[in-house]
Every structure is written in C-alpha cells, then in structure tokens.
C-alpha cells in the first residue's frame, strides 16, 4: 500500500469510527446494528455514485458501474473484517457511551 493510499485508509477508518461512535451514542444500539446502518449507508452511497456514472449524462471520469460491484464491495467488507492491522483509533481504548 503506497503512502497516500495508507493515509487515505487511515482517514476513512477514522471517519467511519466517528460515524460508529455517533450510532452508539444513545447507549442502546447494539454494535452490529450500528455497523449494519453504516453498511446500508455505504450501499446507498454506491447507488448514488453509480447513478451519476450511467447514461444519459455520465460522469466524464470514465468509470462504468457493473453488476459485479456489490460483490466486490461485499468482498472488501469481508477482507476488512479479517485484517490483522488496525488503522487509526483502536476501539478497545474508547470509553463506552453506555451499555446495551
């Protein structure tokens, strides 16, 4: 992973961690439910981005969404859940906002 790519990965992880903290703030949301909300939001974001890249007036960047994209995203999610390295803030060091 290049330096720029590693930095972006850390920034994205930190941003997602903040979203997770917001989801957990009420103290009643189970962690998996909070993660499911974030995953659904990512899916909705993908749909918005994919729509912007389809005819009749697609984005000029040249990317074309495919039916394989959700499978790739699911694979990336699985890959991220099994990685050894932890980027950014370690959740074990965070103070719980409450208990479910």
PDB file of N, CA and C in Angstrom:
ATOM      1  N   UNK A   1       0.862  -1.169   0.000  1.00  0.00           N
ATOM      2  CA  UNK A   1       0.000   0.000   0.000  1.00  0.00           C
ATOM      3  C   UNK A   1       0.904   1.226   0.000  1.00  0.00           C
ATOM      4  N   UNK A   2       0.685   2.147  -0.940  1.00  0.00           N
ATOM      5  CA  UNK A   2       1.501   3.348  -1.021  1.00  0.00           C
ATOM      6  C   UNK A   2       1.200   4.266   0.162  1.00  0.00           C
ATOM      7  N   UNK A   3       2.086   5.257   0.366  1.00  0.00           N
ATOM      8  CA  UNK A   3       1.901   6.194   1.471  1.00  0.00           C
ATOM      9  C   UNK A   3       0.581   6.934   1.388  1.00  0.00           C
ATOM     10  N   UNK A   4       0.252   7.438   0.183  1.00  0.00           N
ATOM     11  CA  UNK A   4      -1.015   8.153   0.006  1.00  0.00           C
ATOM     12  C   UNK A   4      -2.203   7.238   0.259  1.00  0.00           C
ATOM     13  N   UNK A   5      -2.109   6.021  -0.240  1.00  0.00           N
ATOM     14  CA  UNK A   5      -3.201   5.060  -0.059  1.00  0.00           C
ATOM     15  C   UNK A   5      -3.365   4.706   1.418  1.00  0.00           C
ATOM     16  N   UNK A   6      -2.251   4.521   2.115  1.00  0.00           N
ATOM     17  CA  UNK A   6      -2.308   4.204   3.548  1.00  0.00           C
ATOM     18  C   UNK A   6      -2.911   5.370   4.330  1.00  0.00           C
ATOM     19  N   UNK A   7      -2.522   6.599   3.970  1.00  0.00           N
ATOM     20  CA  UNK A   7      -3.078   7.778   4.646  1.00  0.00           C
ATOM     21  C   UNK A   7      -4.584   7.874   4.419  1.00  0.00           C
ATOM     22  N   UNK A   8      -5.019   7.634   3.173  1.00  0.00           N
ATOM     23  CA  UNK A   8      -6.462   7.679   2.882  1.00  0.00           C
ATOM     24  C   UNK A   8      -7.197   6.599   3.658  1.00  0.00           C
ATOM     25  N   UNK A   9      -6.575   5.419   3.758  1.00  0.00           N
ATOM     26  CA  UNK A   9      -7.204   4.331   4.507  1.00  0.00           C
ATOM     27  C   UNK A   9      -7.374   4.715   5.969  1.00  0.00           C
ATOM     28  N   UNK A  10      -6.358   5.331   6.549  1.00  0.00           N
ATOM     29  CA  UNK A  10      -6.442   5.769   7.946  1.00  0.00           C
ATOM     30  C   UNK A  10      -7.536   6.824   8.097  1.00  0.00           C
ATOM     31  N   UNK A  11      -7.582   7.793   7.180  1.00  0.00           N
ATOM     32  CA  UNK A  11      -8.599   8.846   7.256  1.00  0.00           C
ATOM     33  C   UNK A  11     -10.009   8.268   7.133  1.00  0.00           C
ATOM     34  N   UNK A  12     -10.197   7.337   6.202  1.00  0.00           N
ATOM     35  CA  UNK A  12     -11.516   6.716   6.048  1.00  0.00           C
ATOM     36  C   UNK A  12     -11.896   5.922   7.290  1.00  0.00           C
ATOM     37  N   UNK A  13     -10.934   5.183   7.833  1.00  0.00           N
ATOM     38  CA  UNK A  13     -11.204   4.397   9.036  1.00  0.00           C
ATOM     39  C   UNK A  13     -11.579   5.312  10.198  1.00  0.00           C
ATOM     40  N   UNK A  14     -10.863   6.419  10.342  1.00  0.00           N
ATOM     41  CA  UNK A  14     -11.180   7.361  11.415  1.00  0.00           C
ATOM     42  C   UNK A  14     -12.568   7.966  11.219  1.00  0.00           C
ATOM     43  N   UNK A  15     -12.917   8.311   9.981  1.00  0.00           N
ATOM     44  CA  UNK A  15     -14.242   8.857   9.703  1.00  0.00           C
ATOM     45  C   UNK A  15     -15.345   7.852  10.008  1.00  0.00           C
ATOM     46  N   UNK A  16     -15.136   6.607   9.603  1.00  0.00           N
ATOM     47  CA  UNK A  16     -16.127   5.567   9.889  1.00  0.00           C
ATOM     48  C   UNK A  16     -16.221   5.292  11.384  1.00  0.00           C
ATOM     49  N   UNK A  17     -15.094   5.389  12.076  1.00  0.00           N
ATOM     50  CA  UNK A  17     -15.107   5.203  13.528  1.00  0.00           C
ATOM     51  C   UNK A  17     -15.948   6.289  14.193  1.00  0.00           C
ATOM     52  N   UNK A  18     -15.832   7.524  13.699  1.00  0.00           N
ATOM     53  CA  UNK A  18     -16.656   8.616  14.245  1.00  0.00           C
ATOM     54  C   UNK A  18     -18.143   8.347  13.983  1.00  0.00           C
ATOM     55  N   UNK A  19     -18.463   7.852  12.783  1.00  0.00           N
ATOM     56  CA  UNK A  19     -19.861   7.510  12.490  1.00  0.00           C
ATOM     57  C   UNK A  19     -20.358   6.403  13.412  1.00  0.00           C
ATOM     58  N   UNK A  20     -19.513   5.418  13.651  1.00  0.00           N
ATOM     59  CA  UNK A  20     -19.870   4.329  14.561  1.00  0.00           C
ATOM     60  C   UNK A  20     -20.132   4.884  15.962  1.00  0.00           C
ATOM     61  N   UNK A  21     -19.262   5.781  16.421  1.00  0.00           N
ATOM     62  CA  UNK A  21     -19.450   6.396  17.740  1.00  0.00           C
ATOM     63  C   UNK A  21     -20.786   7.125  17.807  1.00  0.00           C
ATOM     64  N   UNK A  22     -21.141   7.847  16.742  1.00  0.00           N
ATOM     65  CA  UNK A  22     -22.425   8.552  16.718  1.00  0.00           C
ATOM     66  C   UNK A  22     -23.590   7.573  16.791  1.00  0.00           C
ATOM     67  N   UNK A  23     -23.491   6.468  16.063  1.00  0.00           N
ATOM     68  CA  UNK A  23     -24.551   5.454  16.087  1.00  0.00           C
ATOM     69  C   UNK A  23     -24.704   4.844  17.479  1.00  0.00           C
ATOM     70  N   UNK A  24     -23.608   4.736  18.208  1.00  0.00           N
ATOM     71  CA  UNK A  24     -23.612   4.085  19.521  1.00  0.00           C
ATOM     72  C   UNK A  24     -23.927   5.056  20.660  1.00  0.00           C
ATOM     73  N   UNK A  25     -24.008   6.323  20.351  1.00  0.00           N
ATOM     74  CA  UNK A  25     -24.112   7.349  21.392  1.00  0.00           C
ATOM     75  C   UNK A  25     -25.319   7.174  22.306  1.00  0.00           C
ATOM     76  N   UNK A  26     -26.429   6.643  21.801  1.00  0.00           N
ATOM     77  CA  UNK A  26     -27.623   6.527  22.648  1.00  0.00           C
ATOM     78  C   UNK A  26     -27.476   5.450  23.720  1.00  0.00           C
ATOM     79  N   UNK A  27     -26.453   4.611  23.616  1.00  0.00           N
ATOM     80  CA  UNK A  27     -26.203   3.595  24.628  1.00  0.00           C
ATOM     81  C   UNK A  27     -27.101   2.379  24.536  1.00  0.00           C
ATOM     82  N   UNK A  28     -28.037   2.382  23.586  1.00  0.00           N
ATOM     83  CA  UNK A  28     -28.958   1.249  23.455  1.00  0.00           C
ATOM     84  C   UNK A  28     -28.772   0.490  22.144  1.00  0.00           C
ATOM     85  N   UNK A  29     -28.020   1.062  21.216  1.00  0.00           N
ATOM     86  CA  UNK A  29     -27.842   0.426  19.914  1.00  0.00           C
ATOM     87  C   UNK A  29     -26.775  -0.651  20.008  1.00  0.00           C
ATOM     88  N   UNK A  30     -27.115  -1.895  19.672  1.00  0.00           N
ATOM     89  CA  UNK A  30     -26.094  -2.945  19.665  1.00  0.00           C
ATOM     90  C   UNK A  30     -25.040  -2.646  18.588  1.00  0.00           C
ATOM     91  N   UNK A  31     -23.784  -2.987  18.832  1.00  0.00           N
ATOM     92  CA  UNK A  31     -22.720  -2.686  17.866  1.00  0.00           C
ATOM     93  C   UNK A  31     -23.009  -3.203  16.457  1.00  0.00           C
ATOM     94  N   UNK A  32     -23.515  -4.426  16.328  1.00  0.00           N
ATOM     95  CA  UNK A  32     -23.768  -4.956  14.986  1.00  0.00           C
ATOM     96  C   UNK A  32     -24.846  -4.148  14.272  1.00  0.00           C
ATOM     97  N   UNK A  33     -25.846  -3.696  15.000  1.00  0.00           N
ATOM     98  CA  UNK A  33     -26.894  -2.870  14.391  1.00  0.00           C
ATOM     99  C   UNK A  33     -26.309  -1.552  13.889  1.00  0.00           C
ATOM    100  N   UNK A  34     -25.427  -0.949  14.668  1.00  0.00           N
ATOM    101  CA  UNK A  34     -24.772   0.291  14.241  1.00  0.00           C
ATOM    102  C   UNK A  34     -23.949   0.050  12.976  1.00  0.00           C
ATOM    103  N   UNK A  35     -23.227  -1.065  12.939  1.00  0.00           N
ATOM    104  CA  UNK A  35     -22.424  -1.391  11.759  1.00  0.00           C
ATOM    105  C   UNK A  35     -23.312  -1.666  10.547  1.00  0.00           C
ATOM    106  N   UNK A  36     -24.466  -2.288  10.766  1.00  0.00           N
ATOM    107  CA  UNK A  36     -25.407  -2.525   9.664  1.00  0.00           C
ATOM    108  C   UNK A  36     -25.932  -1.205   9.103  1.00  0.00           C
ATOM    109  N   UNK A  37     -26.200  -0.232   9.964  1.00  0.00           N
ATOM    110  CA  UNK A  37     -26.643   1.087   9.498  1.00  0.00           C
ATOM    111  C   UNK A  37     -25.571   1.711   8.610  1.00  0.00           C
ATOM    112  N   UNK A  38     -24.329   1.614   9.040  1.00  0.00           N
ATOM    113  CA  UNK A  38     -23.224   2.176   8.265  1.00  0.00           C
ATOM    114  C   UNK A  38     -23.084   1.443   6.934  1.00  0.00           C
ATOM    115  N   UNK A  39     -23.224   0.117   6.950  1.00  0.00           N
ATOM    116  CA  UNK A  39     -23.120  -0.666   5.714  1.00  0.00           C
ATOM    117  C   UNK A  39     -24.237  -0.290   4.738  1.00  0.00           C
ATOM    118  N   UNK A  40     -25.462  -0.102   5.249  1.00  0.00           N
ATOM    119  CA  UNK A  40     -26.569   0.307   4.376  1.00  0.00           C
ATOM    120  C   UNK A  40     -26.309   1.698   3.798  1.00  0.00           C
ATOM    121  N   UNK A  41     -25.749   2.585   4.606  1.00  0.00           N
ATOM    122  CA  UNK A  41     -25.424   3.923   4.112  1.00  0.00           C
ATOM    123  C   UNK A  41     -24.366   3.839   3.012  1.00  0.00           C
ATOM    124  N   UNK A  42     -23.399   2.952   3.166  1.00  0.00           N
ATOM    125  CA  UNK A  42     -22.380   2.765   2.135  1.00  0.00           C
ATOM    126  C   UNK A  42     -23.021   2.227   0.853  1.00  0.00           C
ATOM    127  N   UNK A  43     -23.957   1.289   0.998  1.00  0.00           N
ATOM    128  CA  UNK A  43     -24.675   0.775  -0.168  1.00  0.00           C
ATOM    129  C   UNK A  43     -25.461   1.865  -0.881  1.00  0.00           C
ATOM    130  N   UNK A  44     -26.102   2.740  -0.113  1.00  0.00           N
ATOM    131  CA  UNK A  44     -26.850   3.853  -0.702  1.00  0.00           C
ATOM    132  C   UNK A  44     -25.901   4.820  -1.404  1.00  0.00           C
ATOM    133  N   UNK A  45     -24.743   5.064  -0.804  1.00  0.00           N
ATOM    134  CA  UNK A  45     -23.740   5.925  -1.433  1.00  0.00           C
ATOM    135  C   UNK A  45     -23.288   5.315  -2.757  1.00  0.00           C
ATOM    136  N   UNK A  46     -23.043   3.997  -2.764  1.00  0.00           N
ATOM    137  CA  UNK A  46     -22.662   3.331  -4.009  1.00  0.00           C
ATOM    138  C   UNK A  46     -23.736   3.564  -5.077  1.00  0.00           C
ATOM    139  N   UNK A  47     -25.012   3.392  -4.714  1.00  0.00           N
ATOM    140  CA  UNK A  47     -26.092   3.581  -5.688  1.00  0.00           C
ATOM    141  C   UNK A  47     -26.102   5.004  -6.242  1.00  0.00           C
ATOM    142  N   UNK A  48     -25.876   5.993  -5.383  1.00  0.00           N
ATOM    143  CA  UNK A  48     -25.832   7.388  -5.833  1.00  0.00           C
ATOM    144  C   UNK A  48     -24.671   7.617  -6.795  1.00  0.00           C
ATOM    145  N   UNK A  49     -23.501   7.093  -6.443  1.00  0.00           N
ATOM    146  CA  UNK A  49     -22.317   7.259  -7.293  1.00  0.00           C
ATOM    147  C   UNK A  49     -22.516   6.521  -8.613  1.00  0.00           C
ATOM    148  N   UNK A  50     -23.039   5.300  -8.546  1.00  0.00           N
ATOM    149  CA  UNK A  50     -23.278   4.525  -9.768  1.00  0.00           C
ATOM    150  C   UNK A  50     -24.272   5.246 -10.678  1.00  0.00           C
ATOM    151  N   UNK A  51     -25.313   5.819 -10.098  1.00  0.00           N
ATOM    152  CA  UNK A  51     -26.308   6.548 -10.898  1.00  0.00           C
ATOM    153  C   UNK A  51     -25.683   7.733 -11.620  1.00  0.00           C
ATOM    154  N   UNK A  52     -24.748   8.393 -10.959  1.00  0.00           N
ATOM    155  CA  UNK A  52     -24.081   9.545 -11.568  1.00  0.00           C
ATOM    156  C   UNK A  52     -23.149   9.135 -12.706  1.00  0.00           C
ATOM    157  N   UNK A  53     -22.883   7.852 -12.824  1.00  0.00           N
ATOM    158  CA  UNK A  53     -21.964   7.368 -13.858  1.00  0.00           C
ATOM    159  C   UNK A  53     -22.678   6.583 -14.958  1.00  0.00           C
ATOM    160  N   UNK A  54     -23.992   6.650 -14.990  1.00  0.00           N
ATOM    161  CA  UNK A  54     -24.771   5.969 -16.027  1.00  0.00           C
ATOM    162  C   UNK A  54     -25.310   6.993 -17.023  1.00  0.00           C
ATOM    163  N   UNK A  55     -25.695   6.499 -18.191  1.00  0.00           N
ATOM    164  CA  UNK A  55     -26.311   7.357 -19.205  1.00  0.00           C
ATOM    165  C   UNK A  55     -27.595   7.948 -18.654  1.00  0.00           C
ATOM    166  N   UNK A  56     -28.109   9.031 -19.141  1.00  0.00           N
ATOM    167  CA  UNK A  56     -27.756   9.685 -20.387  1.00  0.00           C
ATOM    168  C   UNK A  56     -26.597  10.669 -20.283  1.00  0.00           C
ATOM    169  N   UNK A  57     -26.249  11.154 -19.115  1.00  0.00           N
ATOM    170  CA  UNK A  57     -25.151  12.125 -18.987  1.00  0.00           C
ATOM    171  C   UNK A  57     -24.180  11.630 -17.922  1.00  0.00           C
ATOM    172  N   UNK A  58     -23.376  10.607 -18.239  1.00  0.00           N
ATOM    173  CA  UNK A  58     -22.492  10.044 -17.217  1.00  0.00           C
ATOM    174  C   UNK A  58     -21.345  10.982 -16.853  1.00  0.00           C
ATOM    175  N   UNK A  59     -20.783  10.751 -15.693  1.00  0.00           N
ATOM    176  CA  UNK A  59     -19.604  11.490 -15.244  1.00  0.00           C
ATOM    177  C   UNK A  59     -18.491  11.291 -16.277  1.00  0.00           C
ATOM    178  N   UNK A  60     -17.691  12.311 -16.545  1.00  0.00           N
ATOM    179  CA  UNK A  60     -16.642  12.187 -17.556  1.00  0.00           C
ATOM    180  C   UNK A  60     -15.409  11.381 -17.115  1.00  0.00           C
ATOM    181  N   UNK A  61     -15.388  10.846 -15.902  1.00  0.00           N
ATOM    182  CA  UNK A  61     -14.186  10.141 -15.432  1.00  0.00           C
ATOM    183  C   UNK A  61     -13.957   8.817 -16.154  1.00  0.00           C
ATOM    184  N   UNK A  62     -15.026   8.256 -16.736  1.00  0.00           N
ATOM    185  CA  UNK A  62     -14.870   7.022 -17.495  1.00  0.00           C
ATOM    186  C   UNK A  62     -15.235   5.749 -16.753  1.00  0.00           C
ATOM    187  N   UNK A  63     -15.449   5.827 -15.434  1.00  0.00           N
ATOM    188  CA  UNK A  63     -15.825   4.618 -14.688  1.00  0.00           C
ATOM    189  C   UNK A  63     -17.243   4.226 -15.071  1.00  0.00           C
ATOM    190  N   UNK A  64     -17.455   2.937 -15.271  1.00  0.00           N
ATOM    191  CA  UNK A  64     -18.778   2.415 -15.592  1.00  0.00           C
ATOM    192  C   UNK A  64     -19.137   1.372 -14.542  1.00  0.00           C
ATOM    193  N   UNK A  65     -20.212   1.586 -13.790  1.00  0.00           N
ATOM    194  CA  UNK A  65     -20.607   0.599 -12.780  1.00  0.00           C
ATOM    195  C   UNK A  65     -21.012  -0.719 -13.446  1.00  0.00           C
ATOM    196  N   UNK A  66     -20.740  -1.821 -12.748  1.00  0.00           N
ATOM    197  CA  UNK A  66     -21.109  -3.140 -13.264  1.00  0.00           C
ATOM    198  C   UNK A  66     -21.934  -3.881 -12.217  1.00  0.00           C
ATOM    199  N   UNK A  67     -22.578  -4.936 -12.648  1.00  0.00           N
ATOM    200  CA  UNK A  67     -23.375  -5.739 -11.716  1.00  0.00           C
ATOM    201  C   UNK A  67     -22.492  -6.463 -10.707  1.00  0.00           C
ATOM    202  N   UNK A  68     -21.197  -6.540 -10.982  1.00  0.00           N
ATOM    203  CA  UNK A  68     -20.233  -7.183 -10.087  1.00  0.00           C
ATOM    204  C   UNK A  68     -19.812  -6.285  -8.915  1.00  0.00           C
ATOM    205  N   UNK A  69     -20.078  -4.998  -9.013  1.00  0.00           N
ATOM    206  CA  UNK A  69     -19.613  -4.051  -7.993  1.00  0.00           C
ATOM    207  C   UNK A  69     -20.079  -4.394  -6.579  1.00  0.00           C
ATOM    208  N   UNK A  70     -21.361  -4.713  -6.355  1.00  0.00           N
ATOM    209  CA  UNK A  70     -21.775  -5.070  -4.987  1.00  0.00           C
ATOM    210  C   UNK A  70     -21.037  -6.294  -4.447  1.00  0.00           C
ATOM    211  N   UNK A  71     -20.714  -7.242  -5.328  1.00  0.00           N
ATOM    212  CA  UNK A  71     -19.950  -8.421  -4.903  1.00  0.00           C
ATOM    213  C   UNK A  71     -18.548  -7.996  -4.471  1.00  0.00           C
ATOM    214  N   UNK A  72     -17.941  -7.091  -5.237  1.00  0.00           N
ATOM    215  CA  UNK A  72     -16.615  -6.582  -4.864  1.00  0.00           C
ATOM    216  C   UNK A  72     -16.669  -5.831  -3.537  1.00  0.00           C
ATOM    217  N   UNK A  73     -17.723  -5.038  -3.338  1.00  0.00           N
ATOM    218  CA  UNK A  73     -17.859  -4.307  -2.074  1.00  0.00           C
ATOM    219  C   UNK A  73     -18.028  -5.263  -0.901  1.00  0.00           C
ATOM    220  N   UNK A  74     -18.829  -6.307  -1.090  1.00  0.00           N
ATOM    221  CA  UNK A  74     -19.007  -7.306  -0.026  1.00  0.00           C
ATOM    222  C   UNK A  74     -17.687  -8.006   0.267  1.00  0.00           C
ATOM    223  N   UNK A  75     -16.908  -8.289  -0.773  1.00  0.00           N
ATOM    224  CA  UNK A  75     -15.594  -8.903  -0.581  1.00  0.00           C
ATOM    225  C   UNK A  75     -14.653  -7.984   0.182  1.00  0.00           C
ATOM    226  N   UNK A  76     -14.720  -6.697  -0.123  1.00  0.00           N
ATOM    227  CA  UNK A  76     -13.889  -5.731   0.600  1.00  0.00           C
ATOM    228  C   UNK A  76     -14.291  -5.673   2.070  1.00  0.00           C
ATOM    229  N   UNK A  77     -15.582  -5.760   2.339  1.00  0.00           N
ATOM    230  CA  UNK A  77     -16.064  -5.776   3.723  1.00  0.00           C
ATOM    231  C   UNK A  77     -15.546  -7.010   4.454  1.00  0.00           C
ATOM    232  N   UNK A  78     -15.629  -8.164   3.791  1.00  0.00           N
ATOM    233  CA  UNK A  78     -15.099  -9.393   4.402  1.00  0.00           C
ATOM    234  C   UNK A  78     -13.593  -9.279   4.623  1.00  0.00           C
ATOM    235  N   UNK A  79     -12.882  -8.735   3.652  1.00  0.00           N
ATOM    236  CA  UNK A  79     -11.434  -8.583   3.780  1.00  0.00           C
ATOM    237  C   UNK A  79     -11.056  -7.650   4.916  1.00  0.00           C
ATOM    238  N   UNK A  80     -11.817  -6.583   5.075  1.00  0.00           N
ATOM    239  CA  UNK A  80     -11.545  -5.641   6.155  1.00  0.00           C
ATOM    240  C   UNK A  80     -11.824  -6.222   7.519  1.00  0.00           C
ATOM    241  N   UNK A  81     -12.764  -7.159   7.592  1.00  0.00           N
ATOM    242  CA  UNK A  81     -13.107  -7.729   8.894  1.00  0.00           C
ATOM    243  C   UNK A  81     -12.102  -8.766   9.352  1.00  0.00           C
ATOM    244  N   UNK A  82     -11.221  -9.199   8.462  1.00  0.00           N
ATOM    245  CA  UNK A  82     -10.254 -10.223   8.850  1.00  0.00           C
ATOM    246  C   UNK A  82      -8.822  -9.707   8.878  1.00  0.00           C
ATOM    247  N   UNK A  83      -8.639  -8.423   8.665  1.00  0.00           N
ATOM    248  CA  UNK A  83      -7.273  -7.903   8.606  1.00  0.00           C
ATOM    249  C   UNK A  83      -6.632  -7.884   9.985  1.00  0.00           C
ATOM    250  N   UNK A  84      -5.330  -8.014   9.985  1.00  0.00           N
ATOM    251  CA  UNK A  84      -4.572  -8.003  11.233  1.00  0.00           C
ATOM    252  C   UNK A  84      -4.288  -6.573  11.686  1.00  0.00           C
ATOM    253  N   UNK A  85      -3.929  -5.714  10.739  1.00  0.00           N
ATOM    254  CA  UNK A  85      -3.543  -4.345  11.094  1.00  0.00           C
ATOM    255  C   UNK A  85      -4.778  -3.520  11.418  1.00  0.00           C
ATOM    256  N   UNK A  86      -4.689  -2.700  12.420  1.00  0.00           N
ATOM    257  CA  UNK A  86      -5.766  -1.789  12.783  1.00  0.00           C
ATOM    258  C   UNK A  86      -5.282  -0.385  12.479  1.00  0.00           C
ATOM    259  N   UNK A  87      -6.011   0.314  11.609  1.00  0.00           N
ATOM    260  CA  UNK A  87      -5.662   1.685  11.268  1.00  0.00           C
ATOM    261  C   UNK A  87      -6.440   2.624  12.172  1.00  0.00           C
ATOM    262  N   UNK A  88      -5.781   3.675  12.599  1.00  0.00           N
ATOM    263  CA  UNK A  88      -6.481   4.684  13.378  1.00  0.00           C
ATOM    264  C   UNK A  88      -6.719   4.244  14.806  1.00  0.00           C
ATOM    265  N   UNK A  89      -7.766   4.766  15.377  1.00  0.00           N
ATOM    266  CA  UNK A  89      -8.099   4.576  16.785  1.00  0.00           C
ATOM    267  C   UNK A  89      -8.534   3.141  17.060  1.00  0.00           C
ATOM    268  N   UNK A  90      -7.984   2.548  18.083  1.00  0.00           N
ATOM    269  CA  UNK A  90      -8.356   1.197  18.495  1.00  0.00           C
ATOM    270  C   UNK A  90      -9.613   1.305  19.351  1.00  0.00           C
ATOM    271  N   UNK A  91     -10.682   0.644  18.932  1.00  0.00           N
ATOM    272  CA  UNK A  91     -11.958   0.752  19.650  1.00  0.00           C
ATOM    273  C   UNK A  91     -11.858   0.293  21.099  1.00  0.00           C
ATOM    274  N   UNK A  92     -10.891  -0.581  21.401  1.00  0.00           N
ATOM    275  CA  UNK A  92     -10.759  -1.060  22.786  1.00  0.00           C
ATOM    276  C   UNK A  92     -10.310   0.041  23.733  1.00  0.00           C
ATOM    277  N   UNK A  93      -9.745   1.130  23.198  1.00  0.00           N
ATOM    278  CA  UNK A  93      -9.276   2.217  24.059  1.00  0.00           C
ATOM    279  C   UNK A  93     -10.341   3.291  24.261  1.00  0.00           C
ATOM    280  N   UNK A  94     -11.487   3.149  23.590  1.00  0.00           N
ATOM    281  CA  UNK A  94     -12.531   4.163  23.684  1.00  0.00           C
ATOM    282  C   UNK A  94     -13.376   3.952  24.934  1.00  0.00           C
ATOM    283  N   UNK A  95     -13.861   5.043  25.489  1.00  0.00           N
ATOM    284  CA  UNK A  95     -14.764   4.970  26.629  1.00  0.00           C
ATOM    285  C   UNK A  95     -16.172   4.714  26.113  1.00  0.00           C
ATOM    286  N   UNK A  96     -16.846   3.668  26.594  1.00  0.00           N
ATOM    287  CA  UNK A  96     -18.208   3.392  26.122  1.00  0.00           C
ATOM    288  C   UNK A  96     -19.147   4.542  26.459  1.00  0.00           C
ATOM    289  N   UNK A  97     -20.042   4.847  25.530  1.00  0.00           N
ATOM    290  CA  UNK A  97     -21.036   5.894  25.763  1.00  0.00           C
ATOM    291  C   UNK A  97     -22.163   5.374  26.639  1.00  0.00           C
ATOM    292  N   UNK A  98     -22.290   4.075  26.723  1.00  0.00           N
ATOM    293  CA  UNK A  98     -23.345   3.445  27.511  1.00  0.00           C
ATOM    294  C   UNK A  98     -23.253   1.948  27.327  1.00  0.00           C
ATOM    295  N   UNK A  99     -24.192   1.252  27.860  1.00  0.00           N
ATOM    296  CA  UNK A  99     -24.188  -0.206  27.764  1.00  0.00           C
ATOM    297  C   UNK A  99     -25.546  -0.685  27.284  1.00  0.00           C
ATOM    298  N   UNK A 100     -25.526  -1.653  26.374  1.00  0.00           N
ATOM    299  CA  UNK A 100     -26.779  -2.181  25.822  1.00  0.00           C
ATOM    300  C   UNK A 100     -27.358  -3.211  26.762  1.00  0.00           C
TER     301      UNK A 100
END
